Amino acid sequence: QLVESGGGLVQAGGSLRLSCAASGRTFSSYSMGWFRQAPGKERRFV
């Protein structure tokens, strides 16, 4: 199970750090990715 956090509203030029907390088995044995999806667009690799 994966739960993201850290999103919010920032001004252009600013910074954010997102976190993804995992629960369950064998987390460290897998590659992990981030994707994003804007309104009206496909989910894209980050």
PDB file of all heavy atoms in Angstrom:
ATOM      1  N   GLN A   1       0.847  -1.180   0.000  1.00  0.00           N
ATOM      2  CA  GLN A   1       0.000   0.000   0.000  1.00  0.00           C
ATOM      3  C   GLN A   1       0.890   1.240   0.000  1.00  0.00           C
ATOM      4  O   GLN A   1       1.851   1.319   0.769  1.00  0.00           O
ATOM      5  CB  GLN A   1      -0.933   0.022   1.204  1.00  0.00           C
ATOM      6  CG  GLN A   1      -2.020  -1.042   1.171  1.00  0.00           C
ATOM      7  CD  GLN A   1      -1.477  -2.422   1.479  1.00  0.00           C
ATOM      8  OE1 GLN A   1      -0.730  -2.610   2.443  1.00  0.00           O
ATOM      9  NE2 GLN A   1      -1.850  -3.400   0.660  1.00  0.00           N
ATOM     10  N   LEU A   2       0.568   2.202  -0.852  1.00  0.00           N
ATOM     11  CA  LEU A   2       1.370   3.403  -1.027  1.00  0.00           C
ATOM     12  C   LEU A   2       0.524   4.633  -0.733  1.00  0.00           C
ATOM     13  O   LEU A   2      -0.602   4.748  -1.224  1.00  0.00           O
ATOM     14  CB  LEU A   2       1.916   3.484  -2.452  1.00  0.00           C
ATOM     15  CG  LEU A   2       2.708   2.269  -2.947  1.00  0.00           C
ATOM     16  CD1 LEU A   2       3.028   2.419  -4.428  1.00  0.00           C
ATOM     17  CD2 LEU A   2       3.990   2.108  -2.140  1.00  0.00           C
ATOM     18  N   VAL A   3       1.078   5.558   0.049  1.00  0.00           N
ATOM     19  CA  VAL A   3       0.374   6.781   0.409  1.00  0.00           C
ATOM     20  C   VAL A   3       1.291   7.968   0.189  1.00  0.00           C
ATOM     21  O   VAL A   3       2.328   8.090   0.848  1.00  0.00           O
ATOM     22  CB  VAL A   3      -0.110   6.751   1.871  1.00  0.00           C
ATOM     23  CG1 VAL A   3      -0.827   8.058   2.208  1.00  0.00           C
ATOM     24  CG2 VAL A   3      -1.033   5.572   2.104  1.00  0.00           C
ATOM     25  N   GLU A   4       0.901   8.861  -0.728  1.00  0.00           N
ATOM     26  CA  GLU A   4       1.673  10.060  -1.012  1.00  0.00           C
ATOM     27  C   GLU A   4       1.273  11.192  -0.071  1.00  0.00           C
ATOM     28  O   GLU A   4       0.130  11.268   0.382  1.00  0.00           O
ATOM     29  CB  GLU A   4       1.463  10.524  -2.458  1.00  0.00           C
ATOM     30  CG  GLU A   4       1.833   9.501  -3.514  1.00  0.00           C
ATOM     31  CD  GLU A   4       0.652   8.683  -3.979  1.00  0.00           C
ATOM     32  OE1 GLU A   4      -0.321   8.541  -3.196  1.00  0.00           O
ATOM     33  OE2 GLU A   4       0.684   8.184  -5.122  1.00  0.00           O
ATOM     34  N   SER A   5       2.224  12.087   0.175  1.00  0.00           N
ATOM     35  CA  SER A   5       1.961  13.281   0.955  1.00  0.00           C
ATOM     36  C   SER A   5       2.958  14.360   0.558  1.00  0.00           C
ATOM     37  O   SER A   5       3.935  14.092  -0.132  1.00  0.00           O
ATOM     38  CB  SER A   5       2.057  12.999   2.458  1.00  0.00           C
ATOM     39  OG  SER A   5       3.367  12.581   2.812  1.00  0.00           O
ATOM     40  N   GLY A   6       2.709  15.582   0.990  1.00  0.00           N
ATOM     41  CA  GLY A   6       3.624  16.681   0.748  1.00  0.00           C
ATOM     42  C   GLY A   6       3.211  17.637  -0.344  1.00  0.00           C
ATOM     43  O   GLY A   6       3.890  18.644  -0.562  1.00  0.00           O
ATOM     44  N   GLY A   7       2.125  17.347  -1.032  1.00  0.00           N
ATOM     45  CA  GLY A   7       1.654  18.249  -2.058  1.00  0.00           C
ATOM     46  C   GLY A   7       1.086  19.523  -1.464  1.00  0.00           C
ATOM     47  O   GLY A   7       0.847  19.625  -0.262  1.00  0.00           O
ATOM     48  N   GLY A   8       0.873  20.502  -2.326  1.00  0.00           N
ATOM     49  CA  GLY A   8       0.331  21.766  -1.878  1.00  0.00           C
ATOM     50  C   GLY A   8       0.431  22.818  -2.949  1.00  0.00           C
ATOM     51  O   GLY A   8       0.672  22.526  -4.118  1.00  0.00           O
ATOM     52  N   LEU A   9       0.249  24.060  -2.533  1.00  0.00           N
ATOM     53  CA  LEU A   9       0.289  25.217  -3.423  1.00  0.00           C
ATOM     54  C   LEU A   9       1.581  25.982  -3.202  1.00  0.00           C
ATOM     55  O   LEU A   9       1.898  26.359  -2.066  1.00  0.00           O
ATOM     56  CB  LEU A   9      -0.909  26.124  -3.163  1.00  0.00           C
ATOM     57  CG  LEU A   9      -0.947  27.450  -3.918  1.00  0.00           C
ATOM     58  CD1 LEU A   9      -1.042  27.211  -5.413  1.00  0.00           C
ATOM     59  CD2 LEU A   9      -2.114  28.287  -3.423  1.00  0.00           C
ATOM     60  N   VAL A  10       2.326  26.202  -4.274  1.00  0.00           N
ATOM     61  CA  VAL A  10       3.576  26.960  -4.201  1.00  0.00           C
ATOM     62  C   VAL A  10       3.649  27.930  -5.368  1.00  0.00           C
ATOM     63  O   VAL A  10       2.994  27.747  -6.394  1.00  0.00           O
ATOM     64  CB  VAL A  10       4.817  26.052  -4.211  1.00  0.00           C
ATOM     65  CG1 VAL A  10       4.847  25.160  -2.987  1.00  0.00           C
ATOM     66  CG2 VAL A  10       4.863  25.217  -5.480  1.00  0.00           C
ATOM     67  N   GLN A  11       4.468  28.953  -5.204  1.00  0.00           N
ATOM     68  CA  GLN A  11       4.701  29.922  -6.257  1.00  0.00           C
ATOM     69  C   GLN A  11       5.766  29.409  -7.213  1.00  0.00           C
ATOM     70  O   GLN A  11       6.646  28.630  -6.834  1.00  0.00           O
ATOM     71  CB  GLN A  11       5.133  31.257  -5.652  1.00  0.00           C
ATOM     72  CG  GLN A  11       5.141  32.419  -6.629  1.00  0.00           C
ATOM     73  CD  GLN A  11       5.412  33.738  -5.929  1.00  0.00           C
ATOM     74  OE1 GLN A  11       5.562  33.800  -4.715  1.00  0.00           O
ATOM     75  NE2 GLN A  11       5.475  34.807  -6.710  1.00  0.00           N
ATOM     76  N   ALA A  12       5.685  29.822  -8.465  1.00  0.00           N
ATOM     77  CA  ALA A  12       6.693  29.439  -9.444  1.00  0.00           C
ATOM     78  C   ALA A  12       8.091  29.774  -8.926  1.00  0.00           C
ATOM     79  O   ALA A  12       8.320  30.853  -8.379  1.00  0.00           O
ATOM     80  CB  ALA A  12       6.438  30.138 -10.770  1.00  0.00           C
ATOM     81  N   GLY A  13       9.012  28.833  -9.110  1.00  0.00           N
ATOM     82  CA  GLY A  13      10.359  28.979  -8.593  1.00  0.00           C
ATOM     83  C   GLY A  13      10.566  28.371  -7.231  1.00  0.00           C
ATOM     84  O   GLY A  13      11.716  28.236  -6.785  1.00  0.00           O
ATOM     85  N   GLY A  14       9.491  27.990  -6.578  1.00  0.00           N
ATOM     86  CA  GLY A  14       9.575  27.404  -5.257  1.00  0.00           C
ATOM     87  C   GLY A  14       9.860  25.919  -5.285  1.00  0.00           C
ATOM     88  O   GLY A  14      10.092  25.327  -6.343  1.00  0.00           O
ATOM     89  N   SER A  15       9.815  25.308  -4.102  1.00  0.00           N
ATOM     90  CA  SER A  15      10.162  23.903  -3.957  1.00  0.00           C
ATOM     91  C   SER A  15       9.136  23.165  -3.109  1.00  0.00           C
ATOM     92  O   SER A  15       8.479  23.750  -2.247  1.00  0.00           O
ATOM     93  CB  SER A  15      11.536  23.747  -3.298  1.00  0.00           C
ATOM     94  OG  SER A  15      12.562  24.322  -4.073  1.00  0.00           O
ATOM     95  N   LEU A  16       9.021  21.879  -3.362  1.00  0.00           N
ATOM     96  CA  LEU A  16       8.227  20.964  -2.561  1.00  0.00           C
ATOM     97  C   LEU A  16       8.952  19.633  -2.493  1.00  0.00           C
ATOM     98  O   LEU A  16       9.681  19.272  -3.420  1.00  0.00           O
ATOM     99  CB  LEU A  16       6.841  20.737  -3.156  1.00  0.00           C
ATOM    100  CG  LEU A  16       5.757  21.790  -2.958  1.00  0.00           C
ATOM    101  CD1 LEU A  16       4.517  21.393  -3.751  1.00  0.00           C
ATOM    102  CD2 LEU A  16       5.418  21.956  -1.485  1.00  0.00           C
ATOM    103  N   ARG A  17       8.736  18.902  -1.416  1.00  0.00           N
ATOM    104  CA  ARG A  17       9.215  17.533  -1.328  1.00  0.00           C
ATOM    105  C   ARG A  17       8.041  16.610  -1.066  1.00  0.00           C
ATOM    106  O   ARG A  17       7.365  16.723  -0.043  1.00  0.00           O
ATOM    107  CB  ARG A  17      10.265  17.350  -0.232  1.00  0.00           C
ATOM    108  CG  ARG A  17      10.900  15.953  -0.283  1.00  0.00           C
ATOM    109  CD  ARG A  17      12.004  15.754   0.715  1.00  0.00           C
ATOM    110  NE  ARG A  17      11.499  15.540   2.066  1.00  0.00           N
ATOM    111  CZ  ARG A  17      12.200  14.992   3.048  1.00  0.00           C
ATOM    112  NH1 ARG A  17      13.453  14.597   2.816  1.00  0.00           N
ATOM    113  NH2 ARG A  17      11.671  14.863   4.248  1.00  0.00           N
ATOM    114  N   LEU A  18       7.824  15.696  -1.993  1.00  0.00           N
ATOM    115  CA  LEU A  18       6.784  14.704  -1.854  1.00  0.00           C
ATOM    116  C   LEU A  18       7.341  13.448  -1.199  1.00  0.00           C
ATOM    117  O   LEU A  18       8.496  13.087  -1.415  1.00  0.00           O
ATOM    118  CB  LEU A  18       6.189  14.339  -3.213  1.00  0.00           C
ATOM    119  CG  LEU A  18       5.684  15.493  -4.077  1.00  0.00           C
ATOM    120  CD1 LEU A  18       5.049  14.954  -5.352  1.00  0.00           C
ATOM    121  CD2 LEU A  18       4.699  16.362  -3.299  1.00  0.00           C
ATOM    122  N   SER A  19       6.511  12.791  -0.414  1.00  0.00           N
ATOM    123  CA  SER A  19       6.876  11.538   0.216  1.00  0.00           C
ATOM    124  C   SER A  19       5.880  10.467  -0.167  1.00  0.00           C
ATOM    125  O   SER A  19       4.700  10.746  -0.375  1.00  0.00           O
ATOM    126  CB  SER A  19       6.908  11.678   1.743  1.00  0.00           C
ATOM    127  OG  SER A  19       7.871  12.619   2.154  1.00  0.00           O
ATOM    128  N   CYS A  20       6.354   9.253  -0.252  1.00  0.00           N
ATOM    129  CA  CYS A  20       5.514   8.099  -0.531  1.00  0.00           C
ATOM    130  C   CYS A  20       5.846   7.032   0.493  1.00  0.00           C
ATOM    131  O   CYS A  20       6.921   6.422   0.435  1.00  0.00           O
ATOM    132  CB  CYS A  20       5.749   7.586  -1.953  1.00  0.00           C
ATOM    133  SG  CYS A  20       4.863   6.062  -2.354  1.00  0.00           S
ATOM    134  N   ALA A  21       4.940   6.818   1.420  1.00  0.00           N
ATOM    135  CA  ALA A  21       5.131   5.835   2.468  1.00  0.00           C
ATOM    136  C   ALA A  21       4.508   4.514   2.056  1.00  0.00           C
ATOM    137  O   ALA A  21       3.358   4.476   1.611  1.00  0.00           O
ATOM    138  CB  ALA A  21       4.523   6.323   3.774  1.00  0.00           C
ATOM    139  N   ALA A  22       5.257   3.444   2.218  1.00  0.00           N
ATOM    140  CA  ALA A  22       4.808   2.126   1.811  1.00  0.00           C
ATOM    141  C   ALA A  22       4.622   1.218   3.011  1.00  0.00           C
ATOM    142  O   ALA A  22       5.376   1.286   3.990  1.00  0.00           O
ATOM    143  CB  ALA A  22       5.807   1.489   0.850  1.00  0.00           C
ATOM    144  N   SER A  23       3.629   0.380   2.931  1.00  0.00           N
ATOM    145  CA  SER A  23       3.407  -0.661   3.928  1.00  0.00           C
ATOM    146  C   SER A  23       3.183  -1.977   3.209  1.00  0.00           C
ATOM    147  O   SER A  23       2.666  -2.004   2.091  1.00  0.00           O
ATOM    148  CB  SER A  23       2.220  -0.328   4.826  1.00  0.00           C
ATOM    149  OG  SER A  23       1.020  -0.231   4.079  1.00  0.00           O
ATOM    150  N   GLY A  24       3.583  -3.051   3.848  1.00  0.00           N
ATOM    151  CA  GLY A  24       3.468  -4.352   3.233  1.00  0.00           C
ATOM    152  C   GLY A  24       4.821  -5.039   3.140  1.00  0.00           C
ATOM    153  O   GLY A  24       5.772  -4.643   3.818  1.00  0.00           O
ATOM    154  N   ARG A  25       4.901  -6.014   2.280  1.00  0.00           N
ATOM    155  CA  ARG A  25       6.088  -6.843   2.184  1.00  0.00           C
ATOM    156  C   ARG A  25       6.994  -6.458   1.020  1.00  0.00           C
ATOM    157  O   ARG A  25       6.527  -5.976  -0.005  1.00  0.00           O
ATOM    158  CB  ARG A  25       5.657  -8.310   2.028  1.00  0.00           C
ATOM    159  CG  ARG A  25       5.070  -8.911   3.281  1.00  0.00           C
ATOM    160  CD  ARG A  25       4.201 -10.135   2.983  1.00  0.00           C
ATOM    161  NE  ARG A  25       4.699 -10.991   1.929  1.00  0.00           N
ATOM    162  CZ  ARG A  25       5.572 -11.979   2.090  1.00  0.00           C
ATOM    163  NH1 ARG A  25       6.050 -12.245   3.304  1.00  0.00           N
ATOM    164  NH2 ARG A  25       5.964 -12.703   1.054  1.00  0.00           N
ATOM    165  N   THR A  26       8.273  -6.678   1.195  1.00  0.00           N
ATOM    166  CA  THR A  26       9.320  -6.606   0.168  1.00  0.00           C
ATOM    167  C   THR A  26       9.409  -5.265  -0.549  1.00  0.00           C
ATOM    168  O   THR A  26       9.644  -5.213  -1.754  1.00  0.00           O
ATOM    169  CB  THR A  26       9.163  -7.739  -0.873  1.00  0.00           C
ATOM    170  OG1 THR A  26       7.930  -7.576  -1.593  1.00  0.00           O
ATOM    171  CG2 THR A  26       9.195  -9.086  -0.192  1.00  0.00           C
ATOM    172  N   PHE A  27       9.243  -4.172   0.174  1.00  0.00           N
ATOM    173  CA  PHE A  27       9.318  -2.853  -0.431  1.00  0.00           C
ATOM    174  C   PHE A  27      10.668  -2.586  -1.068  1.00  0.00           C
ATOM    175  O   PHE A  27      10.761  -2.074  -2.182  1.00  0.00           O
ATOM    176  CB  PHE A  27       9.006  -1.784   0.620  1.00  0.00           C
ATOM    177  CG  PHE A  27       9.313  -0.388   0.169  1.00  0.00           C
ATOM    178  CD1 PHE A  27       8.457   0.284  -0.674  1.00  0.00           C
ATOM    179  CD2 PHE A  27      10.467   0.257   0.601  1.00  0.00           C
ATOM    180  CE1 PHE A  27       8.728   1.572  -1.093  1.00  0.00           C
ATOM    181  CE2 PHE A  27      10.755   1.544   0.190  1.00  0.00           C
ATOM    182  CZ  PHE A  27       9.883   2.204  -0.659  1.00  0.00           C
ATOM    183  N   SER A  28      11.746  -2.916  -0.367  1.00  0.00           N
ATOM    184  CA  SER A  28      13.079  -2.562  -0.819  1.00  0.00           C
ATOM    185  C   SER A  28      13.569  -3.358  -2.019  1.00  0.00           C
ATOM    186  O   SER A  28      14.618  -3.040  -2.580  1.00  0.00           O
ATOM    187  CB  SER A  28      14.082  -2.713   0.335  1.00  0.00           C
ATOM    188  OG  SER A  28      14.159  -4.063   0.765  1.00  0.00           O
ATOM    189  N   SER A  29      12.838  -4.366  -2.443  1.00  0.00           N
ATOM    190  CA  SER A  29      13.250  -5.201  -3.565  1.00  0.00           C
ATOM    191  C   SER A  29      12.743  -4.699  -4.911  1.00  0.00           C
ATOM    192  O   SER A  29      12.991  -5.335  -5.932  1.00  0.00           O
ATOM    193  CB  SER A  29      12.778  -6.634  -3.354  1.00  0.00           C
ATOM    194  OG  SER A  29      13.368  -7.204  -2.197  1.00  0.00           O
ATOM    195  N   TYR A  30      12.065  -3.574  -4.939  1.00  0.00           N
ATOM    196  CA  TYR A  30      11.433  -3.080  -6.158  1.00  0.00           C
ATOM    197  C   TYR A  30      11.881  -1.675  -6.503  1.00  0.00           C
ATOM    198  O   TYR A  30      12.088  -0.838  -5.625  1.00  0.00           O
ATOM    199  CB  TYR A  30       9.909  -3.088  -6.006  1.00  0.00           C
ATOM    200  CG  TYR A  30       9.317  -4.464  -5.861  1.00  0.00           C
ATOM    201  CD1 TYR A  30       9.241  -5.080  -4.622  1.00  0.00           C
ATOM    202  CD2 TYR A  30       8.826  -5.144  -6.973  1.00  0.00           C
ATOM    203  CE1 TYR A  30       8.697  -6.345  -4.484  1.00  0.00           C
ATOM    204  CE2 TYR A  30       8.278  -6.406  -6.850  1.00  0.00           C
ATOM    205  CZ  TYR A  30       8.216  -6.999  -5.600  1.00  0.00           C
ATOM    206  OH  TYR A  30       7.666  -8.255  -5.470  1.00  0.00           O
ATOM    207  N   SER A  31      11.986  -1.425  -7.802  1.00  0.00           N
ATOM    208  CA  SER A  31      12.137  -0.060  -8.269  1.00  0.00           C
ATOM    209  C   SER A  31      10.844   0.710  -7.999  1.00  0.00           C
ATOM    210  O   SER A  31       9.755   0.136  -8.011  1.00  0.00           O
ATOM    211  CB  SER A  31      12.451  -0.032  -9.760  1.00  0.00           C
ATOM    212  OG  SER A  31      13.697  -0.644 -10.025  1.00  0.00           O
ATOM    213  N   MET A  32      10.981   2.005  -7.758  1.00  0.00           N
ATOM    214  CA  MET A  32       9.831   2.849  -7.469  1.00  0.00           C
ATOM    215  C   MET A  32       9.829   4.052  -8.397  1.00  0.00           C
ATOM    216  O   MET A  32      10.884   4.618  -8.693  1.00  0.00           O
ATOM    217  CB  MET A  32       9.860   3.326  -6.018  1.00  0.00           C
ATOM    218  CG  MET A  32       9.764   2.216  -4.985  1.00  0.00           C
ATOM    219  SD  MET A  32       8.119   1.430  -4.961  1.00  0.00           S
ATOM    220  CE  MET A  32       7.100   2.816  -4.459  1.00  0.00           C
ATOM    221  N   GLY A  33       8.645   4.437  -8.828  1.00  0.00           N
ATOM    222  CA  GLY A  33       8.523   5.541  -9.760  1.00  0.00           C
ATOM    223  C   GLY A  33       7.545   6.602  -9.297  1.00  0.00           C
ATOM    224  O   GLY A  33       6.698   6.365  -8.432  1.00  0.00           O
ATOM    225  N   TRP A  34       7.695   7.778  -9.881  1.00  0.00           N
ATOM    226  CA  TRP A  34       6.746   8.874  -9.724  1.00  0.00           C
ATOM    227  C   TRP A  34       6.154   9.215 -11.086  1.00  0.00           C
ATOM    228  O   TRP A  34       6.876   9.308 -12.087  1.00  0.00           O
ATOM    229  CB  TRP A  34       7.406  10.124  -9.148  1.00  0.00           C
ATOM    230  CG  TRP A  34       7.710  10.057  -7.688  1.00  0.00           C
ATOM    231  CD1 TRP A  34       8.881   9.707  -7.103  1.00  0.00           C
ATOM    232  CD2 TRP A  34       6.806  10.367  -6.618  1.00  0.00           C
ATOM    233  NE1 TRP A  34       8.777   9.776  -5.741  1.00  0.00           N
ATOM    234  CE2 TRP A  34       7.509  10.182  -5.415  1.00  0.00           C
ATOM    235  CE3 TRP A  34       5.471  10.786  -6.567  1.00  0.00           C
ATOM    236  CZ2 TRP A  34       6.925  10.400  -4.168  1.00  0.00           C
ATOM    237  CZ3 TRP A  34       4.890  10.999  -5.325  1.00  0.00           C
ATOM    238  CH2 TRP A  34       5.615  10.806  -4.148  1.00  0.00           C
ATOM    239  N   PHE A  35       4.841   9.406 -11.110  1.00  0.00           N
ATOM    240  CA  PHE A  35       4.113   9.851 -12.285  1.00  0.00           C
ATOM    241  C   PHE A  35       3.284  11.067 -11.916  1.00  0.00           C
ATOM    242  O   PHE A  35       3.060  11.341 -10.736  1.00  0.00           O
ATOM    243  CB  PHE A  35       3.201   8.741 -12.817  1.00  0.00           C
ATOM    244  CG  PHE A  35       3.921   7.616 -13.508  1.00  0.00           C
ATOM    245  CD1 PHE A  35       4.667   6.700 -12.792  1.00  0.00           C
ATOM    246  CD2 PHE A  35       3.843   7.472 -14.884  1.00  0.00           C
ATOM    247  CE1 PHE A  35       5.324   5.662 -13.427  1.00  0.00           C
ATOM    248  CE2 PHE A  35       4.490   6.435 -15.534  1.00  0.00           C
ATOM    249  CZ  PHE A  35       5.235   5.534 -14.800  1.00  0.00           C
ATOM    250  N   ARG A  36       2.813  11.773 -12.941  1.00  0.00           N
ATOM    251  CA  ARG A  36       1.925  12.899 -12.678  1.00  0.00           C
ATOM    252  C   ARG A  36       0.859  12.968 -13.757  1.00  0.00           C
ATOM    253  O   ARG A  36       1.057  12.535 -14.887  1.00  0.00           O
ATOM    254  CB  ARG A  36       2.692  14.221 -12.593  1.00  0.00           C
ATOM    255  CG  ARG A  36       3.382  14.650 -13.878  1.00  0.00           C
ATOM    256  CD  ARG A  36       4.237  15.875 -13.615  1.00  0.00           C
ATOM    257  NE  ARG A  36       4.873  16.379 -14.819  1.00  0.00           N
ATOM    258  CZ  ARG A  36       5.737  17.395 -14.837  1.00  0.00           C
ATOM    259  NH1 ARG A  36       6.062  18.002 -13.696  1.00  0.00           N
ATOM    260  NH2 ARG A  36       6.269  17.792 -15.983  1.00  0.00           N
ATOM    261  N   GLN A  37      -0.276  13.543 -13.387  1.00  0.00           N
ATOM    262  CA  GLN A  37      -1.394  13.650 -14.301  1.00  0.00           C
ATOM    263  C   GLN A  37      -2.061  15.009 -14.132  1.00  0.00           C
ATOM    264  O   GLN A  37      -2.601  15.317 -13.066  1.00  0.00           O
ATOM    265  CB  GLN A  37      -2.412  12.535 -14.058  1.00  0.00           C
ATOM    266  CG  GLN A  37      -3.530  12.489 -15.080  1.00  0.00           C
ATOM    267  CD  GLN A  37      -4.346  11.208 -14.970  1.00  0.00           C
ATOM    268  OE1 GLN A  37      -4.371  10.556 -13.937  1.00  0.00           O
ATOM    269  NE2 GLN A  37      -5.008  10.842 -16.056  1.00  0.00           N
ATOM    270  N   ALA A  38      -2.008  15.809 -15.177  1.00  0.00           N
ATOM    271  CA  ALA A  38      -2.666  17.101 -15.203  1.00  0.00           C
ATOM    272  C   ALA A  38      -4.085  16.932 -15.740  1.00  0.00           C
ATOM    273  O   ALA A  38      -4.380  15.960 -16.438  1.00  0.00           O
ATOM    274  CB  ALA A  38      -1.882  18.079 -16.073  1.00  0.00           C
ATOM    275  N   PRO A  39      -4.987  17.867 -15.439  1.00  0.00           N
ATOM    276  CA  PRO A  39      -6.363  17.759 -15.922  1.00  0.00           C
ATOM    277  C   PRO A  39      -6.433  17.616 -17.434  1.00  0.00           C
ATOM    278  O   PRO A  39      -5.801  18.378 -18.170  1.00  0.00           O
ATOM    279  CB  PRO A  39      -7.005  19.066 -15.463  1.00  0.00           C
ATOM    280  CG  PRO A  39      -6.213  19.464 -14.259  1.00  0.00           C
ATOM    281  CD  PRO A  39      -4.801  19.039 -14.564  1.00  0.00           C
ATOM    282  N   GLY A  40      -7.181  16.624 -17.896  1.00  0.00           N
ATOM    283  CA  GLY A  40      -7.351  16.407 -19.318  1.00  0.00           C
ATOM    284  C   GLY A  40      -6.186  15.746 -20.014  1.00  0.00           C
ATOM    285  O   GLY A  40      -6.215  15.608 -21.240  1.00  0.00           O
ATOM    286  N   LYS A  41      -5.172  15.329 -19.269  1.00  0.00           N
ATOM    287  CA  LYS A  41      -3.999  14.707 -19.862  1.00  0.00           C
ATOM    288  C   LYS A  41      -3.790  13.303 -19.321  1.00  0.00           C
ATOM    289  O   LYS A  41      -4.344  12.926 -18.295  1.00  0.00           O
ATOM    290  CB  LYS A  41      -2.748  15.555 -19.608  1.00  0.00           C
ATOM    291  CG  LYS A  41      -2.763  16.921 -20.275  1.00  0.00           C
ATOM    292  CD  LYS A  41      -1.440  17.627 -20.102  1.00  0.00           C
ATOM    293  CE  LYS A  41      -1.405  18.950 -20.831  1.00  0.00           C
ATOM    294  NZ  LYS A  41      -0.086  19.625 -20.677  1.00  0.00           N
ATOM    295  N   GLU A  42      -2.969  12.536 -20.018  1.00  0.00           N
ATOM    296  CA  GLU A  42      -2.617  11.199 -19.575  1.00  0.00           C
ATOM    297  C   GLU A  42      -1.644  11.264 -18.410  1.00  0.00           C
ATOM    298  O   GLU A  42      -0.944  12.257 -18.212  1.00  0.00           O
ATOM    299  CB  GLU A  42      -1.982  10.409 -20.720  1.00  0.00           C
ATOM    300  CG  GLU A  42      -2.903  10.110 -21.881  1.00  0.00           C
ATOM    301  CD  GLU A  42      -2.227   9.258 -22.939  1.00  0.00           C
ATOM    302  OE1 GLU A  42      -0.982   9.257 -22.993  1.00  0.00           O
ATOM    303  OE2 GLU A  42      -2.932   8.592 -23.705  1.00  0.00           O
ATOM    304  N   ARG A  43      -1.618  10.185 -17.645  1.00  0.00           N
ATOM    305  CA  ARG A  43      -0.638  10.052 -16.592  1.00  0.00           C
ATOM    306  C   ARG A  43       0.735   9.840 -17.227  1.00  0.00           C
ATOM    307  O   ARG A  43       0.919   8.938 -18.039  1.00  0.00           O
ATOM    308  CB  ARG A  43      -1.004   8.889 -15.674  1.00  0.00           C
ATOM    309  CG  ARG A  43      -0.212   8.847 -14.383  1.00  0.00           C
ATOM    310  CD  ARG A  43      -0.812   7.832 -13.413  1.00  0.00           C
ATOM    311  NE  ARG A  43      -2.183   8.167 -13.057  1.00  0.00           N
ATOM    312  CZ  ARG A  43      -2.902   7.508 -12.161  1.00  0.00           C
ATOM    313  NH1 ARG A  43      -2.375   6.465 -11.524  1.00  0.00           N
ATOM    314  NH2 ARG A  43      -4.145   7.878 -11.902  1.00  0.00           N
ATOM    315  N   ARG A  44       1.703  10.678 -16.840  1.00  0.00           N
ATOM    316  CA  ARG A  44       3.010  10.682 -17.480  1.00  0.00           C
ATOM    317  C   ARG A  44       4.129  10.371 -16.491  1.00  0.00           C
ATOM    318  O   ARG A  44       4.071  10.746 -15.320  1.00  0.00           O
ATOM    319  CB  ARG A  44       3.296  12.036 -18.132  1.00  0.00           C
ATOM    320  CG  ARG A  44       2.291  12.455 -19.213  1.00  0.00           C
ATOM    321  CD  ARG A  44       2.412  11.587 -20.450  1.00  0.00           C
ATOM    322  NE  ARG A  44       3.739  11.693 -21.050  1.00  0.00           N
ATOM    323  CZ  ARG A  44       4.100  12.629 -21.908  1.00  0.00           C
ATOM    324  NH1 ARG A  44       3.232  13.559 -22.291  1.00  0.00           N
ATOM    325  NH2 ARG A  44       5.326  12.638 -22.407  1.00  0.00           N
ATOM    326  N   PHE A  45       5.152   9.714 -16.998  1.00  0.00           N
ATOM    327  CA  PHE A  45       6.319   9.364 -16.207  1.00  0.00           C
ATOM    328  C   PHE A  45       7.084  10.603 -15.771  1.00  0.00           C
ATOM    329  O   PHE A  45       7.251  11.548 -16.544  1.00  0.00           O
ATOM    330  CB  PHE A  45       7.230   8.454 -17.033  1.00  0.00           C
ATOM    331  CG  PHE A  45       8.584   8.229 -16.436  1.00  0.00           C
ATOM    332  CD1 PHE A  45       8.765   7.332 -15.403  1.00  0.00           C
ATOM    333  CD2 PHE A  45       9.681   8.923 -16.906  1.00  0.00           C
ATOM    334  CE1 PHE A  45      10.009   7.115 -14.851  1.00  0.00           C
ATOM    335  CE2 PHE A  45      10.932   8.719 -16.370  1.00  0.00           C
ATOM    336  CZ  PHE A  45      11.092   7.810 -15.338  1.00  0.00           C
ATOM    337  N   VAL A  46       7.580  10.573 -14.533  1.00  0.00           N
ATOM    338  CA  VAL A  46       8.387  11.664 -13.992  1.00  0.00           C
ATOM    339  C   VAL A  46       9.791  11.188 -13.641  1.00  0.00           C
ATOM    340  O   VAL A  46      10.783  11.761 -14.088  1.00  0.00           O
ATOM    341  CB  VAL A  46       7.727  12.294 -12.754  1.00  0.00           C
ATOM    342  CG1 VAL A  46       8.647  13.350 -12.138  1.00  0.00           C
ATOM    343  CG2 VAL A  46       6.382  12.902 -13.120  1.00  0.00           C
TER     344      VAL A  46
END
